[in-house]
């Protein structure tokens, strides 16, 4: 996952926009394809790392770990570690994470409509 240097002009512009625009702020948190898909799967309840990986076969373990950490740092999901052998870790959406449900469902519906429009435009 590439990150913008905090000293770069691009980073400063991105931060300024996020400070002024709530939509840009939200997009910075949920940006990228994986965050939305991870949250979409977690709308159905708690999942372990391996279960998420099975639902996302094209994601690398490193990328999944990075995305989960980013979502946890943003308080979109929480990570629960159970003290047992072998250790068990579960991920679930927080209350504010569950508030993404109508947004994710709306994006899903819009995406399906847009696919159909694009398919008819190719003809």
PDB file of N, CA and C in Angstrom:
ATOM      1  N   UNK A   1       0.849  -1.165   0.000  1.00  0.00           N
ATOM      2  CA  UNK A   1       0.000   0.000   0.000  1.00  0.00           C
ATOM      3  C   UNK A   1       0.891   1.223   0.000  1.00  0.00           C
ATOM      4  N   UNK A   2       0.760   2.050  -1.017  1.00  0.00           N
ATOM      5  CA  UNK A   2       1.593   3.231  -1.067  1.00  0.00           C
ATOM      6  C   UNK A   2       0.979   4.304  -0.191  1.00  0.00           C
ATOM      7  N   UNK A   3       1.846   5.028   0.478  1.00  0.00           N
ATOM      8  CA  UNK A   3       1.379   6.102   1.325  1.00  0.00           C
ATOM      9  C   UNK A   3       2.020   7.396   0.867  1.00  0.00           C
ATOM     10  N   UNK A   4       1.291   8.475   1.027  1.00  0.00           N
ATOM     11  CA  UNK A   4       1.792   9.779   0.654  1.00  0.00           C
ATOM     12  C   UNK A   4       2.654  10.289   1.799  1.00  0.00           C
ATOM     13  N   UNK A   5       3.821  10.856   1.474  1.00  0.00           N
ATOM     14  CA  UNK A   5       4.673  11.430   2.502  1.00  0.00           C
ATOM     15  C   UNK A   5       3.963  12.604   3.151  1.00  0.00           C
ATOM     16  N   UNK A   6       4.050  12.662   4.488  1.00  0.00           N
ATOM     17  CA  UNK A   6       3.354  13.723   5.214  1.00  0.00           C
ATOM     18  C   UNK A   6       3.906  15.104   4.896  1.00  0.00           C
ATOM     19  N   UNK A   7       5.087  15.183   4.305  1.00  0.00           N
ATOM     20  CA  UNK A   7       5.670  16.478   3.969  1.00  0.00           C
ATOM     21  C   UNK A   7       5.360  16.900   2.536  1.00  0.00           C
ATOM     22  N   UNK A   8       4.672  16.065   1.777  1.00  0.00           N
ATOM     23  CA  UNK A   8       4.418  16.367   0.374  1.00  0.00           C
ATOM     24  C   UNK A   8       3.264  17.363   0.207  1.00  0.00           C
ATOM     25  N   UNK A   9       3.294  18.065  -0.917  1.00  0.00           N
ATOM     26  CA  UNK A   9       2.212  18.998  -1.250  1.00  0.00           C
ATOM     27  C   UNK A   9       0.905  18.231  -1.442  1.00  0.00           C
ATOM     28  N   UNK A  10       0.994  17.062  -2.056  1.00  0.00           N
ATOM     29  CA  UNK A  10      -0.197  16.233  -2.275  1.00  0.00           C
ATOM     30  C   UNK A  10      -0.861  15.896  -0.942  1.00  0.00           C
ATOM     31  N   UNK A  11      -0.077  15.539   0.055  1.00  0.00           N
ATOM     32  CA  UNK A  11      -0.597  15.216   1.384  1.00  0.00           C
ATOM     33  C   UNK A  11      -1.266  16.443   2.001  1.00  0.00           C
ATOM     34  N   UNK A  12      -0.614  17.577   1.899  1.00  0.00           N
ATOM     35  CA  UNK A  12      -1.161  18.815   2.456  1.00  0.00           C
ATOM     36  C   UNK A  12      -2.486  19.165   1.776  1.00  0.00           C
ATOM     37  N   UNK A  13      -2.549  19.027   0.465  1.00  0.00           N
ATOM     38  CA  UNK A  13      -3.783  19.305  -0.264  1.00  0.00           C
ATOM     39  C   UNK A  13      -4.890  18.348   0.147  1.00  0.00           C
ATOM     40  N   UNK A  14      -4.543  17.073   0.285  1.00  0.00           N
ATOM     41  CA  UNK A  14      -5.521  16.061   0.680  1.00  0.00           C
ATOM     42  C   UNK A  14      -6.066  16.367   2.080  1.00  0.00           C
ATOM     43  N   UNK A  15      -5.176  16.753   2.996  1.00  0.00           N
ATOM     44  CA  UNK A  15      -5.589  17.087   4.364  1.00  0.00           C
ATOM     45  C   UNK A  15      -6.476  18.331   4.386  1.00  0.00           C
ATOM     46  N   UNK A  16      -6.092  19.349   3.613  1.00  0.00           N
ATOM     47  CA  UNK A  16      -6.872  20.589   3.573  1.00  0.00           C
ATOM     48  C   UNK A  16      -8.272  20.312   3.034  1.00  0.00           C
ATOM     49  N   UNK A  17      -8.364  19.515   1.986  1.00  0.00           N
ATOM     50  CA  UNK A  17      -9.658  19.179   1.415  1.00  0.00           C
ATOM     51  C   UNK A  17     -10.502  18.399   2.430  1.00  0.00           C
ATOM     52  N   UNK A  18      -9.879  17.451   3.115  1.00  0.00           N
ATOM     53  CA  UNK A  18     -10.592  16.649   4.112  1.00  0.00           C
ATOM     54  C   UNK A  18     -11.078  17.516   5.269  1.00  0.00           C
ATOM     55  N   UNK A  19     -10.291  18.532   5.625  1.00  0.00           N
ATOM     56  CA  UNK A  19     -10.694  19.435   6.706  1.00  0.00           C
ATOM     57  C   UNK A  19     -11.918  20.269   6.307  1.00  0.00           C
ATOM     58  N   UNK A  20     -12.015  20.601   5.035  1.00  0.00           N
ATOM     59  CA  UNK A  20     -13.092  21.461   4.543  1.00  0.00           C
ATOM     60  C   UNK A  20     -14.320  20.688   4.063  1.00  0.00           C
ATOM     61  N   UNK A  21     -14.136  19.454   3.660  1.00  0.00           N
ATOM     62  CA  UNK A  21     -15.201  18.712   2.985  1.00  0.00           C
ATOM     63  C   UNK A  21     -15.391  17.352   3.660  1.00  0.00           C
ATOM     64  N   UNK A  22     -16.558  17.154   4.273  1.00  0.00           N
ATOM     65  CA  UNK A  22     -16.839  15.899   4.978  1.00  0.00           C
ATOM     66  C   UNK A  22     -16.812  14.699   4.038  1.00  0.00           C
ATOM     67  N   UNK A  23     -17.218  14.899   2.763  1.00  0.00           N
ATOM     68  CA  UNK A  23     -17.198  13.802   1.793  1.00  0.00           C
ATOM     69  C   UNK A  23     -15.765  13.355   1.519  1.00  0.00           C
ATOM     70  N   UNK A  24     -14.855  14.307   1.385  1.00  0.00           N
ATOM     71  CA  UNK A  24     -13.442  13.972   1.157  1.00  0.00           C
ATOM     72  C   UNK A  24     -12.857  13.291   2.389  1.00  0.00           C
ATOM     73  N   UNK A  25     -13.240  13.757   3.567  1.00  0.00           N
ATOM     74  CA  UNK A  25     -12.786  13.143   4.814  1.00  0.00           C
ATOM     75  C   UNK A  25     -13.204  11.671   4.847  1.00  0.00           C
ATOM     76  N   UNK A  26     -14.482  11.403   4.544  1.00  0.00           N
ATOM     77  CA  UNK A  26     -14.989  10.027   4.537  1.00  0.00           C
ATOM     78  C   UNK A  26     -14.291   9.197   3.469  1.00  0.00           C
ATOM     79  N   UNK A  27     -14.068   9.781   2.303  1.00  0.00           N
ATOM     80  CA  UNK A  27     -13.398   9.057   1.211  1.00  0.00           C
ATOM     81  C   UNK A  27     -11.972   8.695   1.602  1.00  0.00           C
ATOM     82  N   UNK A  28     -11.300   9.556   2.362  1.00  0.00           N
ATOM     83  CA  UNK A  28      -9.937   9.245   2.819  1.00  0.00           C
ATOM     84  C   UNK A  28      -9.932   8.034   3.745  1.00  0.00           C
ATOM     85  N   UNK A  29     -10.955   7.914   4.564  1.00  0.00           N
ATOM     86  CA  UNK A  29     -11.040   6.776   5.489  1.00  0.00           C
ATOM     87  C   UNK A  29     -11.394   5.500   4.732  1.00  0.00           C
ATOM     88  N   UNK A  30     -12.372   5.586   3.855  1.00  0.00           N
ATOM     89  CA  UNK A  30     -12.880   4.400   3.167  1.00  0.00           C
ATOM     90  C   UNK A  30     -12.272   4.207   1.787  1.00  0.00           C
ATOM     91  N   UNK A  31     -11.342   5.067   1.417  1.00  0.00           N
ATOM     92  CA  UNK A  31     -10.749   5.014   0.084  1.00  0.00           C
ATOM     93  C   UNK A  31     -10.135   3.664  -0.233  1.00  0.00           C
ATOM     94  N   UNK A  32     -10.114   3.345  -1.506  1.00  0.00           N
ATOM     95  CA  UNK A  32      -9.554   2.067  -1.944  1.00  0.00           C
ATOM     96  C   UNK A  32     -10.627   1.006  -1.992  1.00  0.00           C
ATOM     97  N   UNK A  33     -10.397   0.034  -2.831  1.00  0.00           N
ATOM     98  CA  UNK A  33     -11.414  -0.997  -3.034  1.00  0.00           C
ATOM     99  C   UNK A  33     -11.569  -1.936  -1.845  1.00  0.00           C
ATOM    100  N   UNK A  34     -10.511  -2.198  -1.119  1.00  0.00           N
ATOM    101  CA  UNK A  34     -10.577  -3.226  -0.093  1.00  0.00           C
ATOM    102  C   UNK A  34     -11.374  -2.822   1.137  1.00  0.00           C
ATOM    103  N   UNK A  35     -11.270  -1.569   1.568  1.00  0.00           N
ATOM    104  CA  UNK A  35     -11.962  -1.145   2.788  1.00  0.00           C
ATOM    105  C   UNK A  35     -13.467  -1.356   2.665  1.00  0.00           C
ATOM    106  N   UNK A  36     -14.041  -0.958   1.538  1.00  0.00           N
ATOM    107  CA  UNK A  36     -15.480  -1.133   1.339  1.00  0.00           C
ATOM    108  C   UNK A  36     -15.879  -2.600   1.322  1.00  0.00           C
ATOM    109  N   UNK A  37     -15.084  -3.414   0.657  1.00  0.00           N
ATOM    110  CA  UNK A  37     -15.416  -4.844   0.552  1.00  0.00           C
ATOM    111  C   UNK A  37     -15.294  -5.517   1.916  1.00  0.00           C
ATOM    112  N   UNK A  38     -14.267  -5.176   2.664  1.00  0.00           N
ATOM    113  CA  UNK A  38     -14.100  -5.741   4.012  1.00  0.00           C
ATOM    114  C   UNK A  38     -15.303  -5.368   4.873  1.00  0.00           C
ATOM    115  N   UNK A  39     -15.676  -4.094   4.857  1.00  0.00           N
ATOM    116  CA  UNK A  39     -16.834  -3.646   5.647  1.00  0.00           C
ATOM    117  C   UNK A  39     -18.112  -4.315   5.175  1.00  0.00           C
ATOM    118  N   UNK A  40     -18.231  -4.514   3.889  1.00  0.00           N
ATOM    119  CA  UNK A  40     -19.412  -5.178   3.343  1.00  0.00           C
ATOM    120  C   UNK A  40     -19.560  -6.580   3.921  1.00  0.00           C
ATOM    121  N   UNK A  41     -18.463  -7.326   3.980  1.00  0.00           N
ATOM    122  CA  UNK A  41     -18.529  -8.674   4.557  1.00  0.00           C
ATOM    123  C   UNK A  41     -18.814  -8.633   6.050  1.00  0.00           C
ATOM    124  N   UNK A  42     -18.262  -7.619   6.735  1.00  0.00           N
ATOM    125  CA  UNK A  42     -18.466  -7.538   8.181  1.00  0.00           C
ATOM    126  C   UNK A  42     -19.861  -7.060   8.554  1.00  0.00           C
ATOM    127  N   UNK A  43     -20.628  -6.550   7.583  1.00  0.00           N
ATOM    128  CA  UNK A  43     -22.025  -6.183   7.863  1.00  0.00           C
ATOM    129  C   UNK A  43     -22.830  -7.401   8.315  1.00  0.00           C
ATOM    130  N   UNK A  44     -22.365  -8.590   7.936  1.00  0.00           N
ATOM    131  CA  UNK A  44     -23.059  -9.833   8.294  1.00  0.00           C
ATOM    132  C   UNK A  44     -22.662 -10.356   9.668  1.00  0.00           C
ATOM    133  N   UNK A  45     -21.709  -9.695  10.320  1.00  0.00           N
ATOM    134  CA  UNK A  45     -21.275 -10.120  11.651  1.00  0.00           C
ATOM    135  C   UNK A  45     -19.775 -10.330  11.733  1.00  0.00           C
ATOM    136  N   UNK A  46     -19.345 -10.827  12.877  1.00  0.00           N
ATOM    137  CA  UNK A  46     -17.922 -11.034  13.159  1.00  0.00           C
ATOM    138  C   UNK A  46     -17.310 -12.043  12.196  1.00  0.00           C
ATOM    139  N   UNK A  47     -16.051 -11.789  11.830  1.00  0.00           N
ATOM    140  CA  UNK A  47     -15.291 -12.740  11.016  1.00  0.00           C
ATOM    141  C   UNK A  47     -13.859 -12.798  11.511  1.00  0.00           C
ATOM    142  N   UNK A  48     -13.264 -13.967  11.364  1.00  0.00           N
ATOM    143  CA  UNK A  48     -11.849 -14.129  11.672  1.00  0.00           C
ATOM    144  C   UNK A  48     -11.037 -13.786  10.429  1.00  0.00           C
ATOM    145  N   UNK A  49      -9.737 -13.579  10.617  1.00  0.00           N
ATOM    146  CA  UNK A  49      -8.846 -13.199   9.520  1.00  0.00           C
ATOM    147  C   UNK A  49      -8.956 -14.183   8.358  1.00  0.00           C
ATOM    148  N   UNK A  50      -8.876 -15.464   8.671  1.00  0.00           N
ATOM    149  CA  UNK A  50      -8.938 -16.498   7.633  1.00  0.00           C
ATOM    150  C   UNK A  50     -10.258 -16.492   6.878  1.00  0.00           C
ATOM    151  N   UNK A  51     -11.336 -16.213   7.588  1.00  0.00           N
ATOM    152  CA  UNK A  51     -12.648 -16.148   6.936  1.00  0.00           C
ATOM    153  C   UNK A  51     -12.718 -14.955   5.977  1.00  0.00           C
ATOM    154  N   UNK A  52     -12.188 -13.814   6.415  1.00  0.00           N
ATOM    155  CA  UNK A  52     -12.132 -12.648   5.532  1.00  0.00           C
ATOM    156  C   UNK A  52     -11.289 -12.954   4.305  1.00  0.00           C
ATOM    157  N   UNK A  53     -10.157 -13.598   4.520  1.00  0.00           N
ATOM    158  CA  UNK A  53      -9.257 -13.941   3.409  1.00  0.00           C
ATOM    159  C   UNK A  53      -9.966 -14.833   2.396  1.00  0.00           C
ATOM    160  N   UNK A  54     -10.782 -15.774   2.857  1.00  0.00           N
ATOM    161  CA  UNK A  54     -11.530 -16.650   1.945  1.00  0.00           C
ATOM    162  C   UNK A  54     -12.536 -15.863   1.110  1.00  0.00           C
ATOM    163  N   UNK A  55     -13.137 -14.844   1.720  1.00  0.00           N
ATOM    164  CA  UNK A  55     -14.096 -14.002   0.997  1.00  0.00           C
ATOM    165  C   UNK A  55     -13.402 -13.069   0.005  1.00  0.00           C
ATOM    166  N   UNK A  56     -12.106 -12.829   0.208  1.00  0.00           N
ATOM    167  CA  UNK A  56     -11.335 -11.910  -0.622  1.00  0.00           C
ATOM    168  C   UNK A  56     -10.114 -12.629  -1.185  1.00  0.00           C
ATOM    169  N   UNK A  57     -10.320 -13.595  -2.069  1.00  0.00           N
ATOM    170  CA  UNK A  57      -9.206 -14.444  -2.507  1.00  0.00           C
ATOM    171  C   UNK A  57      -8.085 -13.697  -3.232  1.00  0.00           C
ATOM    172  N   UNK A  58      -8.364 -12.516  -3.795  1.00  0.00           N
ATOM    173  CA  UNK A  58      -7.329 -11.794  -4.541  1.00  0.00           C
ATOM    174  C   UNK A  58      -6.514 -10.825  -3.691  1.00  0.00           C
ATOM    175  N   UNK A  59      -6.844 -10.710  -2.403  1.00  0.00           N
ATOM    176  CA  UNK A  59      -6.091  -9.813  -1.535  1.00  0.00           C
ATOM    177  C   UNK A  59      -4.929 -10.582  -0.906  1.00  0.00           C
ATOM    178  N   UNK A  60      -3.799  -9.918  -0.777  1.00  0.00           N
ATOM    179  CA  UNK A  60      -2.670 -10.563  -0.104  1.00  0.00           C
ATOM    180  C   UNK A  60      -2.889 -10.461   1.403  1.00  0.00           C
ATOM    181  N   UNK A  61      -2.237 -11.335   2.144  1.00  0.00           N
ATOM    182  CA  UNK A  61      -2.355 -11.281   3.602  1.00  0.00           C
ATOM    183  C   UNK A  61      -1.835  -9.954   4.130  1.00  0.00           C
ATOM    184  N   UNK A  62      -0.756  -9.465   3.528  1.00  0.00           N
ATOM    185  CA  UNK A  62      -0.185  -8.177   3.949  1.00  0.00           C
ATOM    186  C   UNK A  62      -1.186  -7.049   3.736  1.00  0.00           C
ATOM    187  N   UNK A  63      -1.820  -6.999   2.568  1.00  0.00           N
ATOM    188  CA  UNK A  63      -2.788  -5.941   2.281  1.00  0.00           C
ATOM    189  C   UNK A  63      -3.996  -6.052   3.196  1.00  0.00           C
ATOM    190  N   UNK A  64      -4.463  -7.268   3.458  1.00  0.00           N
ATOM    191  CA  UNK A  64      -5.600  -7.446   4.358  1.00  0.00           C
ATOM    192  C   UNK A  64      -5.239  -6.937   5.750  1.00  0.00           C
ATOM    193  N   UNK A  65      -4.053  -7.279   6.220  1.00  0.00           N
ATOM    194  CA  UNK A  65      -3.592  -6.810   7.533  1.00  0.00           C
ATOM    195  C   UNK A  65      -3.531  -5.292   7.576  1.00  0.00           C
ATOM    196  N   UNK A  66      -2.963  -4.677   6.538  1.00  0.00           N
ATOM    197  CA  UNK A  66      -2.860  -3.216   6.492  1.00  0.00           C
ATOM    198  C   UNK A  66      -4.240  -2.560   6.492  1.00  0.00           C
ATOM    199  N   UNK A  67      -5.159  -3.105   5.707  1.00  0.00           N
ATOM    200  CA  UNK A  67      -6.509  -2.540   5.637  1.00  0.00           C
ATOM    201  C   UNK A  67      -7.246  -2.699   6.965  1.00  0.00           C
ATOM    202  N   UNK A  68      -7.103  -3.857   7.592  1.00  0.00           N
ATOM    203  CA  UNK A  68      -7.750  -4.073   8.894  1.00  0.00           C
ATOM    204  C   UNK A  68      -7.193  -3.106   9.932  1.00  0.00           C
ATOM    205  N   UNK A  69      -5.884  -2.883   9.927  1.00  0.00           N
ATOM    206  CA  UNK A  69      -5.270  -1.941  10.868  1.00  0.00           C
ATOM    207  C   UNK A  69      -5.776  -0.522  10.627  1.00  0.00           C
ATOM    208  N   UNK A  70      -5.883  -0.138   9.356  1.00  0.00           N
ATOM    209  CA  UNK A  70      -6.363   1.202   9.006  1.00  0.00           C
ATOM    210  C   UNK A  70      -7.804   1.383   9.475  1.00  0.00           C
ATOM    211  N   UNK A  71      -8.660   0.397   9.230  1.00  0.00           N
ATOM    212  CA  UNK A  71     -10.055   0.475   9.648  1.00  0.00           C
ATOM    213  C   UNK A  71     -10.184   0.457  11.172  1.00  0.00           C
ATOM    214  N   UNK A  72      -9.302  -0.263  11.837  1.00  0.00           N
ATOM    215  CA  UNK A  72      -9.316  -0.283  13.302  1.00  0.00           C
ATOM    216  C   UNK A  72      -8.873   1.074  13.853  1.00  0.00           C
ATOM    217  N   UNK A  73      -7.835   1.651  13.264  1.00  0.00           N
ATOM    218  CA  UNK A  73      -7.352   2.968  13.701  1.00  0.00           C
ATOM    219  C   UNK A  73      -8.407   4.046  13.499  1.00  0.00           C
ATOM    220  N   UNK A  74      -9.254   3.867  12.503  1.00  0.00           N
ATOM    221  CA  UNK A  74     -10.334   4.820  12.213  1.00  0.00           C
ATOM    222  C   UNK A  74     -11.607   4.500  12.987  1.00  0.00           C
ATOM    223  N   UNK A  75     -11.557   3.486  13.841  1.00  0.00           N
ATOM    224  CA  UNK A  75     -12.693   3.060  14.679  1.00  0.00           C
ATOM    225  C   UNK A  75     -13.896   2.594  13.849  1.00  0.00           C
ATOM    226  N   UNK A  76     -13.604   2.072  12.649  1.00  0.00           N
ATOM    227  CA  UNK A  76     -14.652   1.503  11.804  1.00  0.00           C
ATOM    228  C   UNK A  76     -14.903   0.056  12.227  1.00  0.00           C
ATOM    229  N   UNK A  77     -13.844  -0.615  12.636  1.00  0.00           N
ATOM    230  CA  UNK A  77     -13.994  -1.977  13.134  1.00  0.00           C
ATOM    231  C   UNK A  77     -13.183  -2.150  14.392  1.00  0.00           C
ATOM    232  N   UNK A  78     -13.520  -3.197  15.126  1.00  0.00           N
ATOM    233  CA  UNK A  78     -12.728  -3.519  16.314  1.00  0.00           C
ATOM    234  C   UNK A  78     -12.207  -4.935  16.195  1.00  0.00           C
ATOM    235  N   UNK A  79     -11.062  -5.126  16.789  1.00  0.00           N
ATOM    236  CA  UNK A  79     -10.358  -6.402  16.769  1.00  0.00           C
ATOM    237  C   UNK A  79     -10.403  -6.953  18.182  1.00  0.00           C
ATOM    238  N   UNK A  80     -10.878  -8.188  18.312  1.00  0.00           N
ATOM    239  CA  UNK A  80     -10.940  -8.831  19.621  1.00  0.00           C
ATOM    240  C   UNK A  80     -10.044 -10.054  19.604  1.00  0.00           C
ATOM    241  N   UNK A  81      -9.105 -10.080  20.549  1.00  0.00           N
ATOM    242  CA  UNK A  81      -8.181 -11.211  20.674  1.00  0.00           C
ATOM    243  C   UNK A  81      -8.615 -12.037  21.879  1.00  0.00           C
ATOM    244  N   UNK A  82      -8.823 -13.333  21.647  1.00  0.00           N
ATOM    245  CA  UNK A  82      -9.212 -14.244  22.722  1.00  0.00           C
ATOM    246  C   UNK A  82      -7.980 -14.992  23.199  1.00  0.00           C
ATOM    247  N   UNK A  83      -7.776 -14.985  24.513  1.00  0.00           N
ATOM    248  CA  UNK A  83      -6.610 -15.641  25.109  1.00  0.00           C
ATOM    249  C   UNK A  83      -6.828 -17.142  25.154  1.00  0.00           C
ATOM    250  N   UNK A  84      -6.436 -17.796  24.095  1.00  0.00           N
ATOM    251  CA  UNK A  84      -6.527 -19.250  24.012  1.00  0.00           C
ATOM    252  C   UNK A  84      -5.421 -19.728  23.081  1.00  0.00           C
ATOM    253  N   UNK A  85      -5.219 -21.009  23.057  1.00  0.00           N
ATOM    254  CA  UNK A  85      -4.194 -21.586  22.185  1.00  0.00           C
ATOM    255  C   UNK A  85      -4.886 -22.498  21.188  1.00  0.00           C
ATOM    256  N   UNK A  86      -4.719 -22.285  19.877  1.00  0.00           N
ATOM    257  CA  UNK A  86      -4.056 -21.119  19.277  1.00  0.00           C
ATOM    258  C   UNK A  86      -4.904 -19.866  19.465  1.00  0.00           C
ATOM    259  N   UNK A  87      -4.257 -18.686  19.403  1.00  0.00           N
ATOM    260  CA  UNK A  87      -5.004 -17.447  19.615  1.00  0.00           C
ATOM    261  C   UNK A  87      -6.105 -17.279  18.570  1.00  0.00           C
ATOM    262  N   UNK A  88      -7.219 -16.733  19.010  1.00  0.00           N
ATOM    263  CA  UNK A  88      -8.334 -16.476  18.100  1.00  0.00           C
ATOM    264  C   UNK A  88      -8.569 -14.969  18.049  1.00  0.00           C
ATOM    265  N   UNK A  89      -8.650 -14.429  16.847  1.00  0.00           N
ATOM    266  CA  UNK A  89      -8.877 -12.996  16.656  1.00  0.00           C
ATOM    267  C   UNK A  89     -10.112 -12.836  15.782  1.00  0.00           C
ATOM    268  N   UNK A  90     -11.023 -11.975  16.218  1.00  0.00           N
ATOM    269  CA  UNK A  90     -12.226 -11.697  15.439  1.00  0.00           C
ATOM    270  C   UNK A  90     -12.309 -10.206  15.142  1.00  0.00           C
ATOM    271  N   UNK A  91     -12.869  -9.912  13.982  1.00  0.00           N
ATOM    272  CA  UNK A  91     -13.067  -8.529  13.567  1.00  0.00           C
ATOM    273  C   UNK A  91     -14.564  -8.299  13.431  1.00  0.00           C
ATOM    274  N   UNK A  92     -15.007  -7.138  13.888  1.00  0.00           N
ATOM    275  CA  UNK A  92     -16.407  -6.770  13.734  1.00  0.00           C
ATOM    276  C   UNK A  92     -16.514  -5.258  13.606  1.00  0.00           C
ATOM    277  N   UNK A  93     -17.579  -4.814  12.979  1.00  0.00           N
ATOM    278  CA  UNK A  93     -17.798  -3.390  12.821  1.00  0.00           C
ATOM    279  C   UNK A  93     -18.171  -2.770  14.156  1.00  0.00           C
ATOM    280  N   UNK A  94     -17.758  -1.531  14.349  1.00  0.00           N
ATOM    281  CA  UNK A  94     -18.168  -0.763  15.518  1.00  0.00           C
ATOM    282  C   UNK A  94     -19.545  -0.167  15.207  1.00  0.00           C
ATOM    283  N   UNK A  95     -20.109   0.544  16.159  1.00  0.00           N
ATOM    284  CA  UNK A  95     -21.415   1.177  15.930  1.00  0.00           C
ATOM    285  C   UNK A  95     -21.351   2.129  14.732  1.00  0.00           C
ATOM    286  N   UNK A  96     -20.291   2.930  14.663  1.00  0.00           N
ATOM    287  CA  UNK A  96     -20.183   3.854  13.527  1.00  0.00           C
ATOM    288  C   UNK A  96     -19.871   3.099  12.238  1.00  0.00           C
ATOM    289  N   UNK A  97     -19.215   1.952  12.357  1.00  0.00           N
ATOM    290  CA  UNK A  97     -18.975   1.107  11.183  1.00  0.00           C
ATOM    291  C   UNK A  97     -20.275   0.553  10.614  1.00  0.00           C
ATOM    292  N   UNK A  98     -21.180   0.156  11.502  1.00  0.00           N
ATOM    293  CA  UNK A  98     -22.479  -0.358  11.045  1.00  0.00           C
ATOM    294  C   UNK A  98     -23.318   0.730  10.379  1.00  0.00           C
ATOM    295  N   UNK A  99     -23.025   1.990  10.686  1.00  0.00           N
ATOM    296  CA  UNK A  99     -23.745   3.087  10.032  1.00  0.00           C
ATOM    297  C   UNK A  99     -23.416   3.178   8.543  1.00  0.00           C
ATOM    298  N   UNK A 100     -22.394   2.447   8.110  1.00  0.00           N
ATOM    299  CA  UNK A 100     -22.047   2.401   6.685  1.00  0.00           C
ATOM    300  C   UNK A 100     -23.019   1.530   5.880  1.00  0.00           C
ATOM    301  N   UNK A 101     -23.840   0.738   6.554  1.00  0.00           N
ATOM    302  CA  UNK A 101     -24.741  -0.201   5.859  1.00  0.00           C
ATOM    303  C   UNK A 101     -25.528   0.457   4.721  1.00  0.00           C
ATOM    304  N   UNK A 102     -26.283   1.542   4.964  1.00  0.00           N
ATOM    305  CA  UNK A 102     -27.047   2.110   3.843  1.00  0.00           C
ATOM    306  C   UNK A 102     -26.156   2.686   2.746  1.00  0.00           C
ATOM    307  N   UNK A 103     -24.990   3.160   3.123  1.00  0.00           N
ATOM    308  CA  UNK A 103     -24.053   3.713   2.134  1.00  0.00           C
ATOM    309  C   UNK A 103     -23.507   2.594   1.252  1.00  0.00           C
ATOM    310  N   UNK A 104     -23.076   1.512   1.881  1.00  0.00           N
ATOM    311  CA  UNK A 104     -22.540   0.374   1.125  1.00  0.00           C
ATOM    312  C   UNK A 104     -23.622  -0.230   0.238  1.00  0.00           C
ATOM    313  N   UNK A 105     -24.822  -0.404   0.789  1.00  0.00           N
ATOM    314  CA  UNK A 105     -25.917  -0.971  -0.006  1.00  0.00           C
ATOM    315  C   UNK A 105     -26.270  -0.031  -1.156  1.00  0.00           C
ATOM    316  N   UNK A 106     -26.281   1.276  -0.904  1.00  0.00           N
ATOM    317  CA  UNK A 106     -26.556   2.245  -1.959  1.00  0.00           C
ATOM    318  C   UNK A 106     -25.503   2.216  -3.054  1.00  0.00           C
ATOM    319  N   UNK A 107     -24.240   2.085  -2.665  1.00  0.00           N
ATOM    320  CA  UNK A 107     -23.160   1.995  -3.655  1.00  0.00           C
ATOM    321  C   UNK A 107     -23.279   0.705  -4.462  1.00  0.00           C
ATOM    322  N   UNK A 108     -23.690  -0.367  -3.802  1.00  0.00           N
ATOM    323  CA  UNK A 108     -23.882  -1.638  -4.492  1.00  0.00           C
ATOM    324  C   UNK A 108     -24.984  -1.504  -5.556  1.00  0.00           C
ATOM    325  N   UNK A 109     -26.104  -0.916  -5.157  1.00  0.00           N
ATOM    326  CA  UNK A 109     -27.209  -0.723  -6.101  1.00  0.00           C
ATOM    327  C   UNK A 109     -26.799   0.189  -7.255  1.00  0.00           C
ATOM    328  N   UNK A 110     -26.109   1.290  -6.919  1.00  0.00           N
ATOM    329  CA  UNK A 110     -25.650   2.214  -7.956  1.00  0.00           C
ATOM    330  C   UNK A 110     -24.674   1.515  -8.901  1.00  0.00           C
ATOM    331  N   UNK A 111     -23.766   0.721  -8.336  1.00  0.00           N
ATOM    332  CA  UNK A 111     -22.788   0.002  -9.150  1.00  0.00           C
ATOM    333  C   UNK A 111     -23.450  -0.948 -10.137  1.00  0.00           C
ATOM    334  N   UNK A 112     -24.479  -1.660  -9.675  1.00  0.00           N
ATOM    335  CA  UNK A 112     -25.204  -2.571 -10.567  1.00  0.00           C
ATOM    336  C   UNK A 112     -25.893  -1.808 -11.686  1.00  0.00           C
ATOM    337  N   UNK A 113     -26.532  -0.678 -11.348  1.00  0.00           N
ATOM    338  CA  UNK A 113     -27.191   0.146 -12.368  1.00  0.00           C
ATOM    339  C   UNK A 113     -26.170   0.670 -13.372  1.00  0.00           C
ATOM    340  N   UNK A 114     -25.034   1.146 -12.861  1.00  0.00           N
ATOM    341  CA  UNK A 114     -24.011   1.704 -13.747  1.00  0.00           C
ATOM    342  C   UNK A 114     -23.447   0.630 -14.675  1.00  0.00           C
ATOM    343  N   UNK A 115     -23.263  -0.571 -14.165  1.00  0.00           N
ATOM    344  CA  UNK A 115     -22.787  -1.683 -15.013  1.00  0.00           C
ATOM    345  C   UNK A 115     -23.759  -1.923 -16.165  1.00  0.00           C
ATOM    346  N   UNK A 116     -25.064  -1.913 -15.836  1.00  0.00           N
ATOM    347  CA  UNK A 116     -26.074  -2.128 -16.882  1.00  0.00           C
ATOM    348  C   UNK A 116     -26.050  -1.002 -17.918  1.00  0.00           C
ATOM    349  N   UNK A 117     -25.929   0.234 -17.455  1.00  0.00           N
ATOM    350  CA  UNK A 117     -25.854   1.369 -18.375  1.00  0.00           C
ATOM    351  C   UNK A 117     -24.637   1.235 -19.288  1.00  0.00           C
ATOM    352  N   UNK A 118     -23.517   0.893 -18.694  1.00  0.00           N
ATOM    353  CA  UNK A 118     -22.278   0.757 -19.480  1.00  0.00           C
ATOM    354  C   UNK A 118     -22.383  -0.396 -20.474  1.00  0.00           C
ATOM    355  N   UNK A 119     -23.059  -1.476 -20.085  1.00  0.00           N
ATOM    356  CA  UNK A 119     -23.228  -2.625 -20.983  1.00  0.00           C
ATOM    357  C   UNK A 119     -24.081  -2.233 -22.188  1.00  0.00           C
ATOM    358  N   UNK A 120     -25.112  -1.403 -21.960  1.00  0.00           N
ATOM    359  CA  UNK A 120     -25.955  -0.982 -23.090  1.00  0.00           C
ATOM    360  C   UNK A 120     -25.247   0.041 -23.967  1.00  0.00           C
ATOM    361  N   UNK A 121     -24.294   0.772 -23.412  1.00  0.00           N
ATOM    362  CA  UNK A 121     -23.551   1.779 -24.184  1.00  0.00           C
ATOM    363  C   UNK A 121     -22.553   1.114 -25.134  1.00  0.00           C
ATOM    364  N   UNK A 122     -22.131  -0.092 -24.825  1.00  0.00           N
ATOM    365  CA  UNK A 122     -21.152  -0.800 -25.662  1.00  0.00           C
ATOM    366  C   UNK A 122     -21.791  -1.311 -26.954  1.00  0.00           C
ATOM    367  N   UNK A 123     -23.087  -1.498 -26.920  1.00  0.00           N
ATOM    368  CA  UNK A 123     -23.787  -2.062 -28.093  1.00  0.00           C
ATOM    369  C   UNK A 123     -23.911  -1.087 -29.222  1.00  0.00           C
TER     370      UNK A 123
END
